[in-house]
C-alpha atoms as a PDB file:
ATOM      1  CA  MET A   1     139.625 -25.808 186.584  1.00  0.00           C
ATOM      2  CA  THR A   2     136.393 -24.044 187.479  1.00  0.00           C
ATOM      3  CA  ILE A   3     137.659 -20.807 185.913  1.00  0.00           C
ATOM      4  CA  PHE A   4     137.914 -22.698 182.616  1.00  0.00           C
ATOM      5  CA  TRP A   5     134.236 -23.651 182.722  1.00  0.00           C
ATOM      6  CA  ILE A   6     133.175 -20.158 183.805  1.00  0.00           C
ATOM      7  CA  ILE A   7     135.032 -18.613 180.858  1.00  0.00           C
ATOM      8  CA  LEU A   8     133.602 -21.244 178.528  1.00  0.00           C
ATOM      9  CA  VAL A   9     130.040 -20.580 179.669  1.00  0.00           C
ATOM     10  CA  LEU A  10     130.530 -16.813 179.377  1.00  0.00           C
ATOM     11  CA  LEU A  11     131.835 -17.164 175.824  1.00  0.00           C
ATOM     12  CA  VAL A  12     128.865 -19.318 174.848  1.00  0.00           C
ATOM     13  CA  VAL A  13     126.431 -16.844 176.415  1.00  0.00           C
ATOM     14  CA  VAL A  14     128.048 -13.879 174.630  1.00  0.00           C
ATOM     15  CA  ALA A  15     128.001 -15.713 171.298  1.00  0.00           C
ATOM     16  CA  ASN A  16     124.329 -16.646 171.712  1.00  0.00           C
ATOM     17  CA  ILE A  17     123.333 -13.117 172.704  1.00  0.00           C
ATOM     18  CA  ALA A  18     125.149 -11.728 169.649  1.00  0.00           C
ATOM     19  CA  ASP A  19     123.437 -14.280 167.383  1.00  0.00           C
ATOM     20  CA  ILE A  20     119.996 -13.543 168.830  1.00  0.00           C
ATOM     21  CA  ALA A  21     120.560  -9.788 168.508  1.00  0.00           C
ATOM     22  CA  MET A  22     121.610 -10.200 164.874  1.00  0.00           C
ATOM     23  CA  LYS A  23     118.618 -12.407 164.111  1.00  0.00           C
ATOM     24  CA  LEU A  24     116.195  -9.948 165.733  1.00  0.00           C
ATOM     25  CA  GLU A  25     117.626  -6.987 163.881  1.00  0.00           C
ATOM     26  CA  ILE A  26     117.920  -8.677 160.503  1.00  0.00           C
ATOM     27  CA  ASN A  27     114.414 -10.163 160.691  1.00  0.00           C
ATOM     28  CA  ASP A  28     113.000  -6.651 161.051  1.00  0.00           C
ATOM     29  CA  GLU A  29     114.716  -5.621 157.801  1.00  0.00           C
ATOM     30  CA  LEU A  30     114.013  -8.688 155.648  1.00  0.00           C
ATOM     31  CA  PRO A  31     110.820  -9.352 153.691  1.00  0.00           C
ATOM     32  CA  SER A  32     108.538 -11.978 155.227  1.00  0.00           C
ATOM     33  CA  GLU A  33     109.572 -14.762 152.819  1.00  0.00           C
ATOM     34  CA  GLU A  34     113.279 -14.343 153.650  1.00  0.00           C
ATOM     35  CA  LYS A  35     113.044 -14.060 157.440  1.00  0.00           C
ATOM     36  CA  PHE A  36     114.923 -16.541 159.586  1.00  0.00           C
ATOM     37  CA  SER A  37     112.794 -18.830 161.734  1.00  0.00           C
ATOM     38  CA  TRP A  38     113.440 -19.055 165.456  1.00  0.00           C
ATOM     39  CA  TRP A  39     114.386 -22.726 165.352  1.00  0.00           C
ATOM     40  CA  ASN A  40     116.881 -22.134 162.532  1.00  0.00           C
ATOM     41  CA  ARG A  41     120.403 -22.783 163.849  1.00  0.00           C
ATOM     42  CA  ASN A  42     122.289 -21.645 160.742  1.00  0.00           C
ATOM     43  CA  TYR A  43     124.298 -18.935 162.484  1.00  0.00           C
ATOM     44  CA  TRP A  44     126.696 -18.503 159.563  1.00  0.00           C
ATOM     45  CA  ALA A  45     123.825 -17.547 157.233  1.00  0.00           C
ATOM     46  CA  VAL A  46     122.519 -15.042 159.771  1.00  0.00           C
ATOM     47  CA  GLU A  47     126.001 -13.531 160.082  1.00  0.00           C
ATOM     48  CA  ARG A  48     126.427 -13.277 156.313  1.00  0.00           C
ATOM     49  CA  LYS A  49     123.062 -11.607 155.855  1.00  0.00           C
ATOM     50  CA  TYR A  50     123.715  -9.283 158.799  1.00  0.00           C
ATOM     51  CA  ARG A  51     127.084  -8.255 157.289  1.00  0.00           C
ATOM     52  CA  GLU A  52     125.299  -7.386 154.041  1.00  0.00           C
ATOM     53  CA  PHE A  53     122.953  -4.986 155.823  1.00  0.00           C
ATOM     54  CA  HIS A  54     125.415  -3.709 158.466  1.00  0.00           C
ATOM     55  CA  PRO A  55     128.971  -3.933 157.097  1.00  0.00           C
ATOM     56  CA  LYS A  56     130.549  -1.865 159.911  1.00  0.00           C
ATOM     57  CA  SER A  57     128.932  -3.740 162.791  1.00  0.00           C
ATOM     58  CA  TYR A  58     131.027  -5.677 165.288  1.00  0.00           C
ATOM     59  CA  LEU A  59     128.378  -8.294 166.205  1.00  0.00           C
ATOM     60  CA  PRO A  60     129.327 -10.888 163.548  1.00  0.00           C
ATOM     61  CA  SER A  61     132.964 -10.671 164.601  1.00  0.00           C
ATOM     62  CA  VAL A  62     132.077 -11.081 168.282  1.00  0.00           C
ATOM     63  CA  ALA A  63     129.971 -14.153 167.582  1.00  0.00           C
ATOM     64  CA  ARG A  64     132.589 -15.733 165.343  1.00  0.00           C
ATOM     65  CA  TRP A  65     135.515 -15.040 167.749  1.00  0.00           C
ATOM     66  CA  CYS A  66     133.554 -16.448 170.679  1.00  0.00           C
ATOM     67  CA  PHE A  67     132.798 -19.590 168.701  1.00  0.00           C
ATOM     68  CA  TRP A  68     136.444 -20.145 167.759  1.00  0.00           C
ATOM     69  CA  LEU A  69     137.628 -19.385 171.292  1.00  0.00           C
ATOM     70  CA  VAL A  70     135.269 -22.066 172.617  1.00  0.00           C
ATOM     71  CA  VAL A  71     136.644 -24.529 170.062  1.00  0.00           C
ATOM     72  CA  ALA A  72     140.238 -23.609 170.971  1.00  0.00           C
ATOM     73  CA  MET A  73     139.511 -23.976 174.682  1.00  0.00           C
ATOM     74  CA  PHE A  74     138.074 -27.457 174.167  1.00  0.00           C
ATOM     75  CA  VAL A  75     141.137 -28.438 172.141  1.00  0.00           C
ATOM     76  CA  MET A  76     143.430 -27.117 174.883  1.00  0.00           C
ATOM     77  CA  TRP A  77     141.370 -28.954 177.506  1.00  0.00           C
ATOM     78  CA  GLY A  78     141.621 -32.177 175.489  1.00  0.00           C
ATOM     79  CA  ILE A  79     145.373 -31.856 175.096  1.00  0.00           C
ATOM     80  CA  ALA A  80     145.855 -31.024 178.773  1.00  0.00           C
ATOM     81  CA  SER A  81     143.690 -33.938 179.886  1.00  0.00           C
ATOM     82  CA  THR A  82     145.547 -36.473 177.716  1.00  0.00           C
ATOM     83  CA  THR A  83     148.963 -35.288 178.844  1.00  0.00           C
ATOM     84  CA  GLY A  84     148.008 -35.455 182.511  1.00  0.00           C
ATOM     85  CA  ARG A  85     148.399 -31.727 183.148  1.00  0.00           C
ATOM     86  CA  LEU A  86     144.946 -31.381 184.713  1.00  0.00           C
ATOM     87  CA  ASP A  87     144.923 -31.993 188.428  1.00  0.00           C
END
């Protein structure tokens, strides 16, 4: 069970690092009125804008796959916990 949480935490860390890297890079390229603020949590908008400027980059895909893997892991954990398969 602890391996589940370690993988989950690693996926969240990788997704956050990818999002921060995209925000840093895209904020350097945008004009001052279009820059993303640091407290903005709209990751999908950052990814879309990053894909416009860097269409061949892998960072948006990494962030999106990590997000969906975290969601899938929570769903699997919920199913396993309701069926009594977690011991």
